[in-house]
Amino acid sequence: MKLKLLLFLFTSLQLLNAQEKQASEQNLSINRFIDGTLILPSGIEKPNLAIIIGGSGPTDRNGNQNLLKNNALKKLAESISNNNIATFRYDKRVVKQIRQGIIDKNIVFDDFVTDAVSVIDYFKSTKQFNKIYIVGHSQGSLVGMLAAKNRADGFISIAGAGQSIDKVIIEQLEKTAPMFTEDAKKVFQTLSEGKTTEDYPVALASIFNKDIQGFMANWMKYDPKEEIKNLQLPILIINGTKDLQVPAEEATILNEASNNASLVIIDKMNHVLVPIEGDDLENSKSYNESFRMLSPKLIEAITDFIN
């Protein structure tokens, strides 16, 4: 009986050790702006690499912001790495600035593209990986789209808009706060002319605050459905039917604009990549519920595309 118990314990320890060695994780500083986490699957000499780019706001490498913790990007990276694909995810530069207490108010959208290019170039220079894929989530879809051109081997858009940000915001206002639609149109027109304005409703301050008008003007110059046409590489476009921020129609716009894309619409998946069975309240609460599992179909689609 004791011998059987010892054999059981020994076998269990071997299995645990095997699981622990499945992947190695290390933190890297790419440059003074970018810190991130690299996960390397074990036993593969030259794996493919997926570089994950987060969405809007001060989003860290795990997909979290202040008071919002869902670990969506952390779970995405770990799930992909479990399928023998290396992953790198990083904090947006503004996250590091917030931690240091020195925030650059002159940041523009192009700075995020510059950061993504720096990450791609860094890993290409290591010659450590077979192929490099860009996985952009939400705002990170457009960032990745611009950075991937002539650099990456493939591009994956998750919950990425198919229209420029001004059109996306106008559509959202038409659905949720139509009384502000005309005000927003006037501000966007002013920004498109290279000017700034203080003539906007207080309710829209989070969008049109004077400090971020330069960022918004730079961002709205890019039309995703036009930019995706410039990518001569394999493209996978993914969206969920329960996404409260980026409806699945946006993914269709991207797909129709590219000759190199395939489209996957995942039933019940929301913006933070988890399945939602209930109503919008459950959907909203999930943004701060890190215990939820990601949609298995999402991981399957990404793994199949890369492998």
Protein backbone atom coordinates (compact mmCIF):
# COMPACT_ATOMS: atom_id res chain seq x y z
CA MET A 1 0.00 0.00 0.00
CA LYS A 2 2.85 2.37 0.90
CA LEU A 3 4.64 1.52 -2.37
CA LYS A 4 1.51 2.35 -4.40
CA LEU A 5 1.16 5.64 -2.52
CA LEU A 6 4.80 6.55 -3.20
CA LEU A 7 4.42 5.71 -6.87
CA PHE A 8 1.27 7.85 -7.05
CA LEU A 9 3.02 10.81 -5.40
CA PHE A 10 6.06 10.44 -7.66
CA THR A 11 3.90 10.34 -10.79
CA SER A 12 1.89 13.34 -9.60
CA LEU A 13 5.07 15.33 -9.01
CA GLN A 14 6.31 14.46 -12.49
CA LEU A 15 3.04 15.69 -14.01
CA LEU A 16 3.19 18.92 -12.01
CA ASN A 17 6.78 19.55 -13.08
CA ALA A 18 5.85 18.90 -16.70
CA GLN A 19 3.01 21.42 -16.46
CA GLU A 20 5.26 23.99 -14.81
CA LYS A 21 7.81 23.65 -17.61
CA GLN A 22 5.18 24.07 -20.29
CA ALA A 23 6.05 27.76 -20.70
CA SER A 24 8.52 30.27 -19.31
CA GLU A 25 7.66 33.88 -18.58
CA GLN A 26 9.94 36.90 -18.47
CA ASN A 27 9.47 40.64 -18.20
CA LEU A 28 11.18 42.78 -20.83
CA SER A 29 11.84 46.48 -21.38
CA ILE A 30 11.77 47.17 -25.10
CA ASN A 31 12.65 50.84 -24.66
CA ARG A 32 12.03 53.68 -22.20
CA PHE A 33 8.33 53.66 -23.04
CA ILE A 34 7.49 49.98 -23.31
CA ASP A 35 7.57 47.23 -20.68
CA GLY A 36 5.91 43.88 -21.23
CA THR A 37 5.79 40.15 -20.62
CA LEU A 38 7.09 37.45 -22.96
CA ILE A 39 5.78 33.90 -22.64
CA LEU A 40 7.80 31.18 -24.36
CA PRO A 41 6.38 27.68 -24.82
CA SER A 42 8.91 25.02 -23.82
CA GLY A 43 10.41 22.48 -26.15
CA ILE A 44 10.03 24.57 -29.31
CA GLU A 45 13.26 25.89 -30.79
CA LYS A 46 11.77 28.67 -32.94
CA PRO A 47 8.07 29.25 -32.18
CA ASN A 48 5.72 31.71 -33.83
CA LEU A 49 5.20 34.90 -31.83
CA ALA A 50 1.92 36.76 -31.25
CA ILE A 51 2.35 40.40 -30.18
CA ILE A 52 -0.79 41.55 -28.36
CA ILE A 53 -1.75 45.24 -28.49
CA GLY A 54 -4.33 46.56 -26.03
CA GLY A 55 -7.27 48.90 -26.52
CA SER A 56 -8.02 52.52 -25.69
CA GLY A 57 -7.31 54.26 -22.41
CA PRO A 58 -4.51 53.54 -19.90
CA THR A 59 -4.61 49.80 -20.60
CA ASP A 60 -1.88 47.67 -19.08
CA ARG A 61 -0.38 44.48 -20.45
CA ASN A 62 -3.08 42.38 -18.80
CA GLY A 63 -5.96 44.34 -20.34
CA ASN A 64 -6.77 46.20 -17.12
CA GLN A 65 -7.31 49.84 -16.19
CA ASN A 66 -7.84 51.60 -12.89
CA LEU A 67 -10.98 50.13 -11.24
CA LEU A 68 -11.44 47.71 -14.14
CA LYS A 69 -9.75 44.33 -13.77
CA ASN A 70 -10.72 41.55 -16.14
CA ASN A 71 -7.26 40.24 -17.14
CA ALA A 72 -8.57 39.72 -20.69
CA LEU A 73 -5.17 40.15 -22.38
CA LYS A 74 -3.33 38.15 -19.74
CA LYS A 75 -5.72 35.25 -20.22
CA LEU A 76 -5.47 35.65 -23.98
CA ALA A 77 -1.67 35.49 -23.90
CA GLU A 78 -1.60 32.48 -21.58
CA SER A 79 -4.21 30.61 -23.59
CA ILE A 80 -2.36 31.19 -26.87
CA SER A 81 0.94 30.17 -25.29
CA ASN A 82 -0.63 26.93 -24.10
CA ASN A 83 -0.96 26.11 -27.80
CA ASN A 84 2.80 26.35 -28.44
CA ILE A 85 2.75 29.97 -29.62
CA ALA A 86 4.97 32.55 -27.92
CA THR A 87 3.25 35.77 -26.84
CA PHE A 88 4.31 39.27 -25.88
CA ARG A 89 1.92 41.76 -24.30
CA TYR A 90 2.87 45.21 -23.07
CA ASP A 91 1.70 48.22 -21.07
CA LYS A 92 0.72 51.23 -23.13
CA ARG A 93 3.22 54.03 -22.65
CA VAL A 94 0.71 56.11 -20.70
CA VAL A 95 0.51 53.37 -18.04
CA LYS A 96 4.21 53.75 -17.28
CA GLN A 97 3.83 57.53 -17.20
CA ILE A 98 0.96 57.31 -14.72
CA ARG A 99 3.04 55.07 -12.46
CA GLN A 100 5.93 57.52 -12.63
CA GLY A 101 3.63 60.50 -12.09
CA ILE A 102 4.87 62.20 -15.26
CA ILE A 103 2.14 62.28 -17.92
CA ASP A 104 2.86 63.64 -21.38
CA LYS A 105 -0.26 65.57 -22.40
CA ASN A 106 1.02 65.82 -25.97
CA ILE A 107 0.68 62.10 -26.70
CA VAL A 108 -0.97 61.43 -30.05
CA PHE A 109 -2.30 58.27 -31.66
CA ASP A 110 0.81 57.93 -33.83
CA ASP A 111 2.89 57.45 -30.67
CA PHE A 112 1.10 54.14 -30.05
CA VAL A 113 1.90 53.07 -33.61
CA THR A 114 5.56 54.01 -33.06
CA ASP A 115 5.57 51.86 -29.92
CA ALA A 116 4.09 48.89 -31.75
CA VAL A 117 6.66 49.22 -34.54
CA SER A 118 9.43 49.29 -31.92
CA VAL A 119 8.13 46.06 -30.40
CA ILE A 120 7.95 44.32 -33.80
CA ASP A 121 11.44 45.49 -34.79
CA TYR A 122 12.86 44.38 -31.45
CA PHE A 123 11.62 40.82 -31.81
CA LYS A 124 12.54 40.62 -35.48
CA SER A 125 16.09 41.58 -34.57
CA THR A 126 16.37 38.69 -32.11
CA LYS A 127 15.78 36.13 -34.91
CA GLN A 128 14.27 34.02 -32.13
CA PHE A 129 10.92 33.42 -33.80
CA ASN A 130 9.66 31.69 -36.91
CA LYS A 131 6.90 34.16 -37.81
CA ILE A 132 5.53 37.25 -36.07
CA TYR A 133 1.80 37.93 -35.84
CA ILE A 134 0.10 41.09 -34.56
CA VAL A 135 -3.02 40.70 -32.43
CA GLY A 136 -4.77 44.04 -31.94
CA HIS A 137 -7.72 44.40 -29.58
CA SER A 138 -10.18 47.31 -29.94
CA GLN A 139 -8.11 50.49 -30.54
CA GLY A 140 -5.12 48.15 -30.76
CA SER A 141 -6.59 46.77 -33.97
CA LEU A 142 -5.91 50.00 -35.87
CA VAL A 143 -2.57 50.47 -34.10
CA GLY A 144 -1.53 46.95 -35.10
CA MET A 145 -2.88 47.38 -38.60
CA LEU A 146 -0.63 50.38 -39.19
CA ALA A 147 2.40 48.81 -37.51
CA ALA A 148 2.12 45.44 -39.24
CA LYS A 149 2.54 46.80 -42.77
CA ASN A 150 5.75 45.38 -44.33
CA ARG A 151 6.84 44.04 -40.92
CA ALA A 152 4.59 41.24 -39.67
CA ASP A 153 3.70 37.85 -41.16
CA GLY A 154 0.04 38.03 -40.22
CA PHE A 155 -2.51 40.30 -38.56
CA ILE A 156 -5.44 39.52 -36.25
CA SER A 157 -8.08 42.13 -35.41
CA ILE A 158 -10.24 41.49 -32.34
CA ALA A 159 -13.16 43.88 -31.78
CA GLY A 160 -11.60 46.45 -34.07
CA ALA A 161 -13.60 49.26 -35.66
CA GLY A 162 -14.12 49.33 -39.41
CA GLN A 163 -14.72 53.09 -39.51
CA SER A 164 -12.73 56.12 -38.36
CA ILE A 165 -13.16 57.02 -34.70
CA ASP A 166 -15.27 60.12 -35.39
CA LYS A 167 -17.84 58.06 -37.29
CA VAL A 168 -17.82 55.39 -34.58
CA ILE A 169 -18.50 57.97 -31.87
CA ILE A 170 -21.23 59.67 -33.90
CA GLU A 171 -22.99 56.33 -34.36
CA GLN A 172 -22.73 55.59 -30.65
CA LEU A 173 -24.19 58.98 -29.76
CA GLU A 174 -27.05 58.52 -32.23
CA LYS A 175 -28.00 55.35 -30.35
CA THR A 176 -27.36 56.41 -26.76
CA ALA A 177 -27.47 60.23 -26.57
CA PRO A 178 -28.89 61.64 -29.83
CA MET A 179 -29.26 65.11 -28.32
CA PHE A 180 -25.46 65.52 -28.52
CA THR A 181 -24.97 64.21 -32.06
CA GLU A 182 -24.90 67.60 -33.82
CA ASP A 183 -22.56 69.07 -31.20
CA ALA A 184 -20.15 66.20 -31.73
CA LYS A 185 -20.26 66.60 -35.52
CA LYS A 186 -19.31 70.28 -35.16
CA VAL A 187 -16.36 69.45 -32.91
CA PHE A 188 -15.09 66.74 -35.24
CA GLN A 189 -15.34 69.15 -38.16
CA THR A 190 -13.24 71.67 -36.23
CA LEU A 191 -10.64 69.03 -35.37
CA SER A 192 -10.46 67.89 -38.99
CA GLU A 193 -9.49 71.47 -39.91
CA GLY A 194 -6.52 71.33 -37.54
CA LYS A 195 -8.15 73.58 -34.95
CA THR A 196 -9.23 73.14 -31.33
CA THR A 197 -12.39 74.28 -29.59
CA GLU A 198 -13.94 74.76 -26.18
CA ASP A 199 -17.45 74.80 -27.60
CA TYR A 200 -18.81 71.39 -26.62
CA PRO A 201 -21.32 70.09 -24.04
CA VAL A 202 -19.93 69.23 -20.62
CA ALA A 203 -21.41 65.75 -21.05
CA LEU A 204 -18.91 65.14 -23.88
CA ALA A 205 -15.85 66.33 -21.95
CA SER A 206 -14.41 62.81 -21.73
CA ILE A 207 -14.25 62.77 -25.54
CA PHE A 208 -13.46 66.39 -26.34
CA ASN A 209 -11.47 67.68 -23.37
CA LYS A 210 -8.97 70.26 -24.64
CA ASP A 211 -6.07 68.08 -23.48
CA ILE A 212 -7.07 65.18 -25.75
CA GLN A 213 -8.29 67.03 -28.84
CA GLY A 214 -4.88 66.69 -30.46
CA PHE A 215 -4.92 62.95 -29.84
CA MET A 216 -8.45 62.66 -31.21
CA ALA A 217 -7.61 64.71 -34.33
CA ASN A 218 -4.62 62.46 -35.04
CA TRP A 219 -6.63 59.28 -34.46
CA MET A 220 -9.54 60.25 -36.71
CA LYS A 221 -7.20 60.73 -39.69
CA TYR A 222 -7.08 56.96 -40.08
CA ASP A 223 -9.89 55.01 -41.71
CA PRO A 224 -9.46 51.31 -40.80
CA LYS A 225 -11.28 50.01 -43.87
CA GLU A 226 -8.81 51.91 -46.04
CA GLU A 227 -5.73 51.02 -43.99
CA ILE A 228 -6.48 47.30 -44.04
CA LYS A 229 -6.28 47.37 -47.83
CA ASN A 230 -2.57 48.15 -47.48
CA LEU A 231 -1.83 44.87 -45.69
CA GLN A 232 -0.58 42.24 -48.11
CA LEU A 233 -0.52 39.43 -45.59
CA PRO A 234 -2.94 36.90 -44.04
CA ILE A 235 -5.61 38.60 -41.92
CA LEU A 236 -8.08 37.24 -39.39
CA ILE A 237 -10.95 39.46 -38.21
CA ILE A 238 -12.82 38.47 -35.03
CA ASN A 239 -15.76 40.00 -33.22
CA GLY A 240 -18.45 38.89 -30.80
CA THR A 241 -22.21 39.26 -31.03
CA LYS A 242 -22.41 40.61 -27.45
CA ASP A 243 -19.85 43.39 -27.88
CA LEU A 244 -21.34 46.56 -26.37
CA GLN A 245 -18.61 48.83 -27.76
CA VAL A 246 -17.81 47.50 -31.22
CA PRO A 247 -20.72 45.77 -32.95
CA ALA A 248 -20.05 42.82 -35.24
CA GLU A 249 -20.96 44.97 -38.24
CA GLU A 250 -17.62 46.75 -37.82
CA ALA A 251 -15.81 43.46 -38.38
CA THR A 252 -17.86 42.90 -41.53
CA ILE A 253 -16.75 46.31 -42.84
CA LEU A 254 -13.09 45.34 -42.33
CA ASN A 255 -13.57 41.94 -43.90
CA GLU A 256 -15.24 43.34 -47.00
CA ALA A 257 -12.45 45.88 -47.44
CA SER A 258 -9.68 43.27 -47.64
CA ASN A 259 -8.94 40.55 -50.17
CA ASN A 260 -6.72 38.72 -47.67
CA ALA A 261 -9.07 38.46 -44.71
CA SER A 262 -11.20 35.78 -43.13
CA LEU A 263 -14.00 36.62 -40.72
CA VAL A 264 -15.03 34.88 -37.49
CA ILE A 265 -18.08 36.13 -35.57
CA ILE A 266 -18.31 34.46 -32.17
CA ASP A 267 -21.77 34.05 -30.73
CA LYS A 268 -22.26 35.63 -27.28
CA MET A 269 -18.65 36.86 -26.92
CA ASN A 270 -18.36 40.42 -25.58
CA HIS A 271 -15.71 43.15 -25.73
CA VAL A 272 -13.56 41.67 -22.96
CA LEU A 273 -13.64 38.34 -24.81
CA VAL A 274 -15.86 36.30 -22.49
CA PRO A 275 -19.17 34.58 -23.27
CA ILE A 276 -22.25 36.39 -21.95
CA GLU A 277 -25.48 34.45 -21.51
CA GLY A 278 -27.54 37.22 -19.90
CA ASP A 279 -28.38 40.89 -20.43
CA ASP A 280 -26.38 44.11 -20.71
CA LEU A 281 -26.01 44.32 -16.93
CA GLU A 282 -24.16 41.00 -16.82
CA ASN A 283 -22.16 42.18 -19.82
CA SER A 284 -21.09 45.41 -18.13
CA LYS A 285 -20.23 43.67 -14.85
CA SER A 286 -17.93 41.26 -16.69
CA TYR A 287 -15.50 44.13 -17.39
CA ASN A 288 -14.46 43.86 -13.74
CA GLU A 289 -14.72 40.10 -13.24
CA SER A 290 -11.35 38.48 -13.81
CA PHE A 291 -12.62 35.01 -12.87
CA ARG A 292 -14.47 34.60 -16.17
CA MET A 293 -13.02 32.29 -18.81
CA LEU A 294 -12.35 33.53 -22.32
CA SER A 295 -14.40 32.23 -25.22
CA PRO A 296 -12.87 28.88 -26.29
CA LYS A 297 -13.82 29.67 -29.89
CA LEU A 298 -11.62 32.77 -29.76
CA ILE A 299 -8.54 30.78 -28.75
CA GLU A 300 -9.34 28.10 -31.30
CA ALA A 301 -9.68 30.63 -34.13
CA ILE A 302 -6.41 32.39 -33.28
CA THR A 303 -4.47 29.14 -32.82
CA ASP A 304 -5.73 27.68 -36.09
CA PHE A 305 -4.87 30.87 -37.96
CA ILE A 306 -1.31 31.08 -36.62
CA ASN A 307 -0.48 27.38 -36.75
